[in-house]
C-alpha atoms as a PDB file:
ATOM      1  CA  MET A   1      33.844-115.971 -30.106  1.00  0.00           C
ATOM      2  CA  ALA A   2      36.757-116.953 -27.624  1.00  0.00           C
ATOM      3  CA  ASN A   3      34.852-117.770 -24.848  1.00  0.00           C
ATOM      4  CA  LEU A   4      32.671-119.661 -26.725  1.00  0.00           C
ATOM      5  CA  ALA A   5      34.526-122.481 -26.868  1.00  0.00           C
ATOM      6  CA  PRO A   6      35.296-122.898 -23.060  1.00  0.00           C
ATOM      7  CA  GLN A   7      31.662-122.882 -22.507  1.00  0.00           C
ATOM      8  CA  LEU A   8      30.540-125.665 -24.680  1.00  0.00           C
ATOM      9  CA  LEU A   9      33.298-127.787 -22.969  1.00  0.00           C
ATOM     10  CA  ARG A  10      30.651-126.859 -19.308  1.00  0.00           C
ATOM     11  CA  TYR A  11      33.262-124.308 -18.403  1.00  0.00           C
ATOM     12  CA  ARG A  12      31.327-121.629 -16.465  1.00  0.00           C
ATOM     13  CA  LEU A  13      32.262-117.969 -15.607  1.00  0.00           C
ATOM     14  CA  THR A  14      32.741-117.585 -12.217  1.00  0.00           C
ATOM     15  CA  THR A  15      33.815-114.379  -9.915  1.00  0.00           C
ATOM     16  CA  ALA A  16      34.951-115.168  -6.539  1.00  0.00           C
ATOM     17  CA  GLN A  17      35.247-112.737  -3.613  1.00  0.00           C
ATOM     18  CA  ILE A  18      38.398-113.278  -1.841  1.00  0.00           C
ATOM     19  CA  LEU A  19      38.581-111.423   1.426  1.00  0.00           C
ATOM     20  CA  TYR A  20      42.569-111.221   3.018  1.00  0.00           C
ATOM     21  CA  ARG A  21      44.475-109.630   5.433  1.00  0.00           C
ATOM     22  CA  LEU A  22      46.878-106.760   5.435  1.00  0.00           C
ATOM     23  CA  PRO A  23      50.588-107.739   6.116  1.00  0.00           C
ATOM     24  CA  ASP A  24      50.933-104.447   8.107  1.00  0.00           C
ATOM     25  CA  HIS A  25      47.778-104.628   9.647  1.00  0.00           C
ATOM     26  CA  PRO A  26      45.824-108.106   9.992  1.00  0.00           C
ATOM     27  CA  ALA A  27      42.979-106.404  11.525  1.00  0.00           C
ATOM     28  CA  LEU A  28      42.118-105.091   8.275  1.00  0.00           C
ATOM     29  CA  LEU A  29      40.168-107.429   5.722  1.00  0.00           C
ATOM     30  CA  GLN A  30      41.100-106.249   1.679  1.00  0.00           C
ATOM     31  CA  SER A  31      38.864-107.845  -0.720  1.00  0.00           C
ATOM     32  CA  TYR A  32      39.497-108.204  -4.503  1.00  0.00           C
ATOM     33  CA  THR A  33      37.382-109.793  -7.423  1.00  0.00           C
ATOM     34  CA  TRP A  34      38.296-112.744  -9.446  1.00  0.00           C
ATOM     35  CA  GLN A  35      36.470-113.928 -12.655  1.00  0.00           C
ATOM     36  CA  ASP A  36      37.549-116.412 -15.129  1.00  0.00           C
ATOM     37  CA  TYR A  37      36.113-119.552 -16.852  1.00  0.00           C
ATOM     38  CA  ASP A  38      36.302-122.495 -14.390  1.00  0.00           C
ATOM     39  CA  LEU A  39      34.412-125.870 -14.223  1.00  0.00           C
ATOM     40  CA  ALA A  40      32.379-126.430 -11.256  1.00  0.00           C
ATOM     41  CA  PRO A  41      31.996-127.809  -8.702  1.00  0.00           C
ATOM     42  CA  ASP A  42      36.052-128.648  -8.691  1.00  0.00           C
ATOM     43  CA  TYR A  43      37.319-124.745  -9.267  1.00  0.00           C
ATOM     44  CA  PRO A  44      40.839-126.616 -10.987  1.00  0.00           C
ATOM     45  CA  VAL A  45      41.537-122.820 -12.613  1.00  0.00           C
ATOM     46  CA  LEU A  46      40.487-120.971  -8.919  1.00  0.00           C
ATOM     47  CA  ARG A  47      42.249-123.667  -6.980  1.00  0.00           C
ATOM     48  CA  ARG A  48      45.524-122.844  -9.437  1.00  0.00           C
ATOM     49  CA  PHE A  49      44.705-119.153  -8.884  1.00  0.00           C
ATOM     50  CA  LEU A  50      44.313-119.558  -5.020  1.00  0.00           C
ATOM     51  CA  GLU A  51      47.802-121.538  -4.730  1.00  0.00           C
ATOM     52  CA  PHE A  52      49.197-118.877  -6.518  1.00  0.00           C
ATOM     53  CA  TRP A  53      48.207-116.470  -4.130  1.00  0.00           C
ATOM     54  CA  ARG A  54      49.603-118.697  -1.392  1.00  0.00           C
ATOM     55  CA  ARG A  55      53.155-118.990  -2.909  1.00  0.00           C
ATOM     56  CA  ASN A  56      53.538-115.497  -3.910  1.00  0.00           C
ATOM     57  CA  ILE A  57      51.133-112.493  -2.356  1.00  0.00           C
ATOM     58  CA  GLU A  58      52.369-111.578   1.443  1.00  0.00           C
ATOM     59  CA  GLY A  59      48.174-110.982   2.579  1.00  0.00           C
ATOM     60  CA  PRO A  60      46.909-114.268   3.985  1.00  0.00           C
ATOM     61  CA  LEU A  61      43.659-115.461   2.681  1.00  0.00           C
ATOM     62  CA  HIS A  62      40.845-115.427   5.003  1.00  0.00           C
ATOM     63  CA  SER A  63      37.711-115.900   2.848  1.00  0.00           C
ATOM     64  CA  VAL A  64      36.894-117.248  -0.251  1.00  0.00           C
ATOM     65  CA  GLN A  65      32.819-116.683  -1.560  1.00  0.00           C
ATOM     66  CA  VAL A  66      32.030-118.222  -5.325  1.00  0.00           C
ATOM     67  CA  ALA A  67      29.246-117.743  -7.654  1.00  0.00           C
ATOM     68  CA  SER A  68      29.231-119.074 -10.672  1.00  0.00           C
ATOM     69  CA  THR A  69      26.986-119.714 -13.717  1.00  0.00           C
ATOM     70  CA  ARG A  70      26.444-121.291 -17.074  1.00  0.00           C
ATOM     71  CA  LEU A  71      26.008-118.741 -19.583  1.00  0.00           C
ATOM     72  CA  ILE A  72      24.504-121.258 -22.565  1.00  0.00           C
ATOM     73  CA  SER A  73      21.790-123.016 -21.499  1.00  0.00           C
ATOM     74  CA  ALA A  74      18.530-124.477 -22.553  1.00  0.00           C
ATOM     75  CA  GLY A  75      16.050-121.728 -24.185  1.00  0.00           C
ATOM     76  CA  GLU A  76      12.766-120.600 -22.488  1.00  0.00           C
ATOM     77  CA  ILE A  77       9.949-121.675 -24.290  1.00  0.00           C
ATOM     78  CA  ARG A  78       6.158-120.138 -23.050  1.00  0.00           C
ATOM     79  CA  THR A  79       2.921-119.513 -25.397  1.00  0.00           C
ATOM     80  CA  ALA A  80       1.733-116.732 -26.551  1.00  0.00           C
ATOM     81  CA  SER A  81      -0.891-114.448 -24.546  1.00  0.00           C
ATOM     82  CA  ALA A  82      -1.899-112.947 -27.648  1.00  0.00           C
ATOM     83  CA  HIS A  83      -1.992-113.443 -31.218  1.00  0.00           C
ATOM     84  CA  LEU A  84      -1.518-109.667 -33.350  1.00  0.00           C
ATOM     85  CA  THR A  85      -1.731-109.117 -36.925  1.00  0.00           C
ATOM     86  CA  LEU A  86      -0.055-106.281 -38.575  1.00  0.00           C
ATOM     87  CA  GLN A  87      -1.369-104.678 -41.946  1.00  0.00           C
END
């Protein structure tokens, strides 16, 4: 239930694939997957995390791919194609 409140405030489950260079081997890329609730399209939570990364982690960032989706959305209504009666 704790995750419901952010969703009602328009937060979305956001996943970021972060590629970064290894400090000792800059020709190699390593992947890190980050996931949290964030506000699209500005992504303030992700931006704070990336700023923390730049200040505190030695592996320089190469690229960041972001995907997000609303978990609470309007229900889908479809008409029934059959009507069955159970006895």
